[in-house]
């Protein structure tokens, strides 16, 4: 791995300090580094478009938080480029490397000591009047949700062509195992080990209390038909992009042909991450 892409969260002041030392260090290691244009401009050096970095690099270093990692995962999804996340945010579930661990983690990655995890992604397609309006690939989740002032919405839901139920709720989350510790968890969904091949359906504030989250095999297709009229309903992808929905819109979600490849810290313990980040098991 000699071609290192660097993509940073915009505006973070500490990235300039980190890269001021990291880029010369990579050069001494015989690595060529390309930095995203916005960050490069702040450093006073030449930069590269993020999409070009994704097609060129052997590995991408992401300096930021989980949100930056999610956007980069969508960028590189079709290319299979591994990502190493350096946490400059708060939670850091998928950006696990701390600032003080950067050099040790990169050194071990370059020497082939670190492992990689391939994480399931989802593809979501929106159909309106039998025409596909949009297609997205996500690492965390696909969410159908209402606006703050809208009433409960109705969603006919099918799994592999079989009718499941009509969810009457504030919304519905379809998440990957990686996304199970994100919005789905806050809505009462289960924690799924991140390398499992599964999908989680989690209703948001369901009107019927017996509508509980359900875990499905990863190769099942989920189909949702919005039945509610005259309400503001939206589809959001990884909490970052999306579009407004209309009555009778169909959303089809299934396992993507692409996966996100994460470079994992050596000796990483997922259950320690749960205890540390979520205070899991504490009273």
Protein backbone atom coordinates (compact mmCIF):
# COMPACT_ATOMS: atom_id res chain seq x y z
CA UNK A 1 0.00 0.00 0.00
CA UNK A 2 2.04 2.90 -1.31
CA UNK A 3 -0.71 5.18 -2.63
CA UNK A 4 -2.45 6.83 0.32
CA UNK A 5 -5.55 8.96 -0.12
CA UNK A 6 -6.39 11.46 2.62
CA UNK A 7 -9.93 12.80 3.06
CA UNK A 8 -10.74 15.07 5.99
CA UNK A 9 -13.83 16.52 7.60
CA UNK A 10 -14.06 20.11 6.31
CA UNK A 11 -13.01 22.87 8.66
CA UNK A 12 -11.48 20.81 11.47
CA UNK A 13 -8.49 22.87 12.68
CA UNK A 14 -6.60 19.87 14.09
CA UNK A 15 -6.32 18.26 10.65
CA UNK A 16 -3.74 20.88 9.65
CA UNK A 17 -1.55 20.04 12.64
CA UNK A 18 -1.89 16.30 12.03
CA UNK A 19 -1.18 16.46 8.30
CA UNK A 20 1.73 18.86 8.82
CA UNK A 21 3.58 15.95 10.43
CA UNK A 22 1.82 12.98 8.82
CA UNK A 23 2.44 13.85 5.17
CA UNK A 24 6.26 14.15 5.55
CA UNK A 25 6.22 10.93 7.58
CA UNK A 26 4.38 9.09 4.79
CA UNK A 27 6.86 10.46 2.28
CA UNK A 28 9.75 9.07 4.34
CA UNK A 29 7.97 5.71 4.31
CA UNK A 30 8.03 5.77 0.53
CA UNK A 31 4.29 6.45 0.23
CA UNK A 32 2.66 8.88 -2.18
CA UNK A 33 -0.22 10.81 -0.63
CA UNK A 34 -3.08 12.71 -2.26
CA UNK A 35 -5.16 15.08 -0.10
CA UNK A 36 -8.71 16.23 -0.85
CA UNK A 37 -8.86 19.68 -2.48
CA UNK A 38 -10.54 21.56 0.39
CA UNK A 39 -8.03 20.36 2.98
CA UNK A 40 -5.11 20.83 0.59
CA UNK A 41 -6.11 24.46 0.00
CA UNK A 42 -5.93 25.10 3.74
CA UNK A 43 -2.49 23.50 3.80
CA UNK A 44 -1.33 25.56 0.82
CA UNK A 45 -0.59 22.51 -1.34
CA UNK A 46 -2.10 20.97 -4.44
CA UNK A 47 -5.16 18.82 -3.86
CA UNK A 48 -7.29 16.25 -5.67
CA UNK A 49 -11.01 15.70 -6.11
CA UNK A 50 -12.36 13.10 -3.69
CA UNK A 51 -13.71 10.94 -6.51
CA UNK A 52 -10.27 10.87 -8.13
CA UNK A 53 -8.65 9.92 -4.83
CA UNK A 54 -11.08 7.02 -4.52
CA UNK A 55 -10.13 5.64 -7.93
CA UNK A 56 -6.37 6.11 -7.40
CA UNK A 57 -5.59 5.12 -3.81
CA UNK A 58 -4.60 1.75 -2.35
CA UNK A 59 -6.10 2.86 0.96
CA UNK A 60 -7.86 6.00 2.21
CA UNK A 61 -7.21 7.67 5.54
CA UNK A 62 -10.29 9.47 6.83
CA UNK A 63 -9.75 12.19 9.43
CA UNK A 64 -13.05 13.13 11.02
CA UNK A 65 -15.99 11.37 12.60
CA UNK A 66 -18.42 8.64 11.65
CA UNK A 67 -20.30 11.01 9.34
CA UNK A 68 -17.17 11.58 7.26
CA UNK A 69 -16.58 7.82 7.15
CA UNK A 70 -20.12 7.24 5.89
CA UNK A 71 -19.73 9.73 3.06
CA UNK A 72 -16.38 8.21 2.04
CA UNK A 73 -17.82 4.67 2.19
CA UNK A 74 -20.44 5.67 -0.38
CA UNK A 75 -17.73 7.30 -2.50
CA UNK A 76 -15.54 4.17 -2.68
CA UNK A 77 -18.29 1.54 -2.55
CA UNK A 78 -17.83 0.32 -6.12
CA UNK A 79 -14.03 0.30 -5.92
CA UNK A 80 -13.34 -1.85 -2.85
CA UNK A 81 -10.71 0.55 -1.50
CA UNK A 82 -10.05 -0.03 2.23
CA UNK A 83 -10.64 2.85 4.64
CA UNK A 84 -8.81 3.61 7.88
CA UNK A 85 -10.79 5.96 10.12
CA UNK A 86 -9.04 8.39 12.47
CA UNK A 87 -11.48 9.76 15.01
CA UNK A 88 -11.66 13.53 15.37
CA UNK A 89 -15.33 13.44 16.38
CA UNK A 90 -17.10 12.38 19.54
CA UNK A 91 -18.47 8.82 19.31
CA UNK A 92 -16.24 7.26 16.69
CA UNK A 93 -17.87 3.86 16.18
CA UNK A 94 -16.32 3.27 12.77
CA UNK A 95 -13.54 5.87 13.11
CA UNK A 96 -11.83 3.96 15.89
CA UNK A 97 -8.23 5.21 15.72
CA UNK A 98 -7.45 7.88 18.31
CA UNK A 99 -5.22 10.79 17.39
CA UNK A 100 -2.36 9.49 19.51
CA UNK A 101 -2.58 6.08 17.79
CA UNK A 102 -2.28 7.34 14.19
CA UNK A 103 1.34 6.50 13.45
CA UNK A 104 1.29 3.10 15.13
CA UNK A 105 -1.92 2.13 13.31
CA UNK A 106 -0.66 3.25 9.89
CA UNK A 107 2.73 1.59 10.46
CA UNK A 108 1.03 -1.74 11.21
CA UNK A 109 -1.32 -1.35 8.26
CA UNK A 110 1.58 -0.66 5.88
CA UNK A 111 3.46 -3.69 7.20
CA UNK A 112 0.44 -5.94 6.68
CA UNK A 113 -0.21 -6.59 10.38
CA UNK A 114 -3.76 -5.26 10.46
CA UNK A 115 -6.89 -7.07 9.36
CA UNK A 116 -9.76 -5.83 7.23
CA UNK A 117 -13.51 -6.18 7.69
CA UNK A 118 -15.94 -6.21 4.77
CA UNK A 119 -19.18 -4.59 5.90
CA UNK A 120 -22.57 -5.19 4.28
CA UNK A 121 -24.07 -2.23 2.44
CA UNK A 122 -27.64 -1.64 1.25
CA UNK A 123 -28.97 -0.42 -2.09
CA UNK A 124 -32.21 1.55 -1.98
CA UNK A 125 -34.30 2.36 -5.05
CA UNK A 126 -37.30 4.68 -5.17
CA UNK A 127 -40.05 4.05 -7.76
CA UNK A 128 -42.78 6.55 -8.61
CA UNK A 129 -45.43 5.59 -11.17
CA UNK A 130 -43.30 2.55 -12.13
CA UNK A 131 -40.29 4.75 -12.92
CA UNK A 132 -37.13 4.57 -10.82
CA UNK A 133 -36.60 8.06 -9.40
CA UNK A 134 -33.39 7.46 -7.44
CA UNK A 135 -30.88 4.84 -6.36
CA UNK A 136 -28.54 4.99 -3.37
CA UNK A 137 -25.96 2.78 -1.68
CA UNK A 138 -25.50 3.15 2.09
CA UNK A 139 -23.39 1.71 4.90
CA UNK A 140 -25.60 2.53 7.89
CA UNK A 141 -29.29 2.81 7.15
CA UNK A 142 -32.24 3.72 4.98
CA UNK A 143 -34.95 5.63 6.86
CA UNK A 144 -38.52 6.53 5.97
CA UNK A 145 -39.63 9.25 8.36
CA UNK A 146 -42.17 12.00 8.77
CA UNK A 147 -41.51 15.67 9.48
CA UNK A 148 -41.86 17.04 13.00
CA UNK A 149 -45.42 18.32 12.46
CA UNK A 150 -46.75 15.43 10.37
CA UNK A 151 -49.05 12.76 11.77
CA UNK A 152 -48.33 9.03 11.97
CA UNK A 153 -47.64 7.52 8.55
CA UNK A 154 -48.75 4.17 7.07
CA UNK A 155 -46.22 1.94 5.30
CA UNK A 156 -47.20 -1.36 3.66
CA UNK A 157 -44.15 -3.56 4.15
CA UNK A 158 -43.17 -6.72 2.28
CA UNK A 159 -40.18 -9.05 2.73
CA UNK A 160 -39.18 -11.10 -0.31
CA UNK A 161 -42.62 -10.45 -1.79
CA UNK A 162 -44.51 -11.59 1.31
CA UNK A 163 -46.71 -9.07 3.11
CA UNK A 164 -45.44 -8.45 6.65
CA UNK A 165 -47.59 -5.66 8.07
CA UNK A 166 -48.66 -2.06 7.61
CA UNK A 167 -46.50 -0.11 9.98
CA UNK A 168 -48.31 2.82 11.56
CA UNK A 169 -45.45 4.81 13.03
CA UNK A 170 -43.32 7.92 12.86
CA UNK A 171 -41.12 6.03 10.44
CA UNK A 172 -39.18 2.87 9.66
CA UNK A 173 -35.42 2.22 9.79
CA UNK A 174 -33.80 -0.44 7.62
CA UNK A 175 -30.24 -0.82 8.87
CA UNK A 176 -27.13 -2.86 8.29
CA UNK A 177 -25.23 -4.47 11.18
CA UNK A 178 -22.87 -1.48 11.07
CA UNK A 179 -25.87 0.84 11.36
CA UNK A 180 -27.43 -1.17 14.19
CA UNK A 181 -25.57 0.98 16.74
CA UNK A 182 -26.76 4.21 15.11
CA UNK A 183 -30.35 5.48 14.67
CA UNK A 184 -31.80 1.97 14.92
CA UNK A 185 -30.37 1.51 18.41
CA UNK A 186 -31.85 4.78 19.63
CA UNK A 187 -35.25 3.59 18.32
CA UNK A 188 -35.03 0.36 20.33
CA UNK A 189 -33.35 -1.89 17.76
CA UNK A 190 -30.86 -4.64 18.64
CA UNK A 191 -27.08 -4.50 18.44
CA UNK A 192 -25.92 -6.73 15.56
CA UNK A 193 -22.31 -7.91 15.32
CA UNK A 194 -20.92 -5.80 12.46
CA UNK A 195 -19.71 -8.61 10.18
CA UNK A 196 -23.00 -10.54 10.16
CA UNK A 197 -25.00 -10.85 6.93
CA UNK A 198 -28.31 -9.44 8.12
CA UNK A 199 -30.74 -6.53 7.90
CA UNK A 200 -32.71 -4.94 10.76
CA UNK A 201 -36.20 -3.43 10.47
CA UNK A 202 -36.90 -1.02 13.32
CA UNK A 203 -40.14 0.99 13.50
CA UNK A 204 -39.88 4.51 14.94
CA UNK A 205 -42.44 5.13 17.69
CA UNK A 206 -44.96 2.56 16.36
CA UNK A 207 -48.62 3.18 17.11
CA UNK A 208 -49.00 -0.57 17.76
CA UNK A 209 -46.68 -1.56 20.59
CA UNK A 210 -46.45 -5.14 19.31
CA UNK A 211 -44.59 -3.90 16.20
CA UNK A 212 -41.10 -4.72 17.41
CA UNK A 213 -37.76 -4.66 15.54
CA UNK A 214 -36.99 -7.76 13.47
CA UNK A 215 -33.69 -9.16 12.15
CA UNK A 216 -33.76 -10.60 8.63
CA UNK A 217 -31.28 -12.54 6.49
CA UNK A 218 -29.07 -10.25 4.46
CA UNK A 219 -30.26 -11.60 1.10
CA UNK A 220 -33.93 -10.69 1.73
CA UNK A 221 -35.45 -7.76 -0.14
CA UNK A 222 -37.55 -5.22 1.78
CA UNK A 223 -40.29 -3.39 -0.12
CA UNK A 224 -42.17 -0.43 1.37
CA UNK A 225 -45.18 1.31 -0.15
CA UNK A 226 -46.06 4.67 1.34
CA UNK A 227 -49.84 4.79 1.85
CA UNK A 228 -50.17 8.11 3.63
CA UNK A 229 -51.40 11.20 1.81
CA UNK A 230 -50.97 14.89 2.62
CA UNK A 231 -48.09 14.43 5.04
CA UNK A 232 -44.43 15.41 4.77
CA UNK A 233 -42.51 12.14 4.45
CA UNK A 234 -38.84 11.77 3.58
CA UNK A 235 -36.36 9.10 2.68
CA UNK A 236 -32.93 9.65 4.23
CA UNK A 237 -29.75 7.70 3.51
CA UNK A 238 -27.07 7.39 6.20
CA UNK A 239 -28.64 10.51 7.71
CA UNK A 240 -26.89 12.63 5.08
CA UNK A 241 -28.79 12.62 1.79
CA UNK A 242 -32.36 11.96 0.75
CA UNK A 243 -35.52 13.07 -0.97
CA UNK A 244 -39.21 13.76 -0.24
CA UNK A 245 -41.64 10.90 -0.82
CA UNK A 246 -45.16 10.91 -2.24
CA UNK A 247 -48.14 8.64 -1.66
CA UNK A 248 -47.77 5.22 -3.37
CA UNK A 249 -44.02 5.65 -3.79
CA UNK A 250 -42.26 2.29 -3.58
CA UNK A 251 -38.92 1.91 -1.81
CA UNK A 252 -37.01 -1.31 -2.44
CA UNK A 253 -34.02 -2.10 -0.22
CA UNK A 254 -31.66 -5.02 -0.66
CA UNK A 255 -28.10 -6.04 -0.02
CA UNK A 256 -25.70 -4.14 -2.26
CA UNK A 257 -23.25 -5.92 -4.52
CA UNK A 258 -20.62 -3.64 -2.97
CA UNK A 259 -19.17 -3.73 0.54
CA UNK A 260 -17.25 -1.24 2.63
CA UNK A 261 -13.78 -2.54 3.53
CA UNK A 262 -12.56 -1.15 6.85
CA UNK A 263 -8.96 -1.39 8.03
CA UNK A 264 -9.25 -2.49 11.65
CA UNK A 265 -6.98 -1.51 14.56
CA UNK A 266 -4.70 -4.37 15.58
CA UNK A 267 -6.01 -6.15 18.65
CA UNK A 268 -9.36 -4.42 18.34
CA UNK A 269 -12.05 -5.78 20.69
CA UNK A 270 -15.61 -5.01 19.52
CA UNK A 271 -17.10 -5.66 22.95
CA UNK A 272 -14.64 -3.23 24.49
CA UNK A 273 -15.85 -0.69 21.93
CA UNK A 274 -19.42 -1.27 23.13
CA UNK A 275 -18.40 -0.88 26.76
CA UNK A 276 -16.36 2.24 26.05
CA UNK A 277 -18.59 4.04 23.54
CA UNK A 278 -22.04 2.98 24.77
CA UNK A 279 -21.22 2.29 28.42
CA UNK A 280 -22.68 -1.14 27.60
CA UNK A 281 -23.39 -3.28 30.67
CA UNK A 282 -22.98 -0.43 33.16
CA UNK A 283 -25.58 0.18 35.87
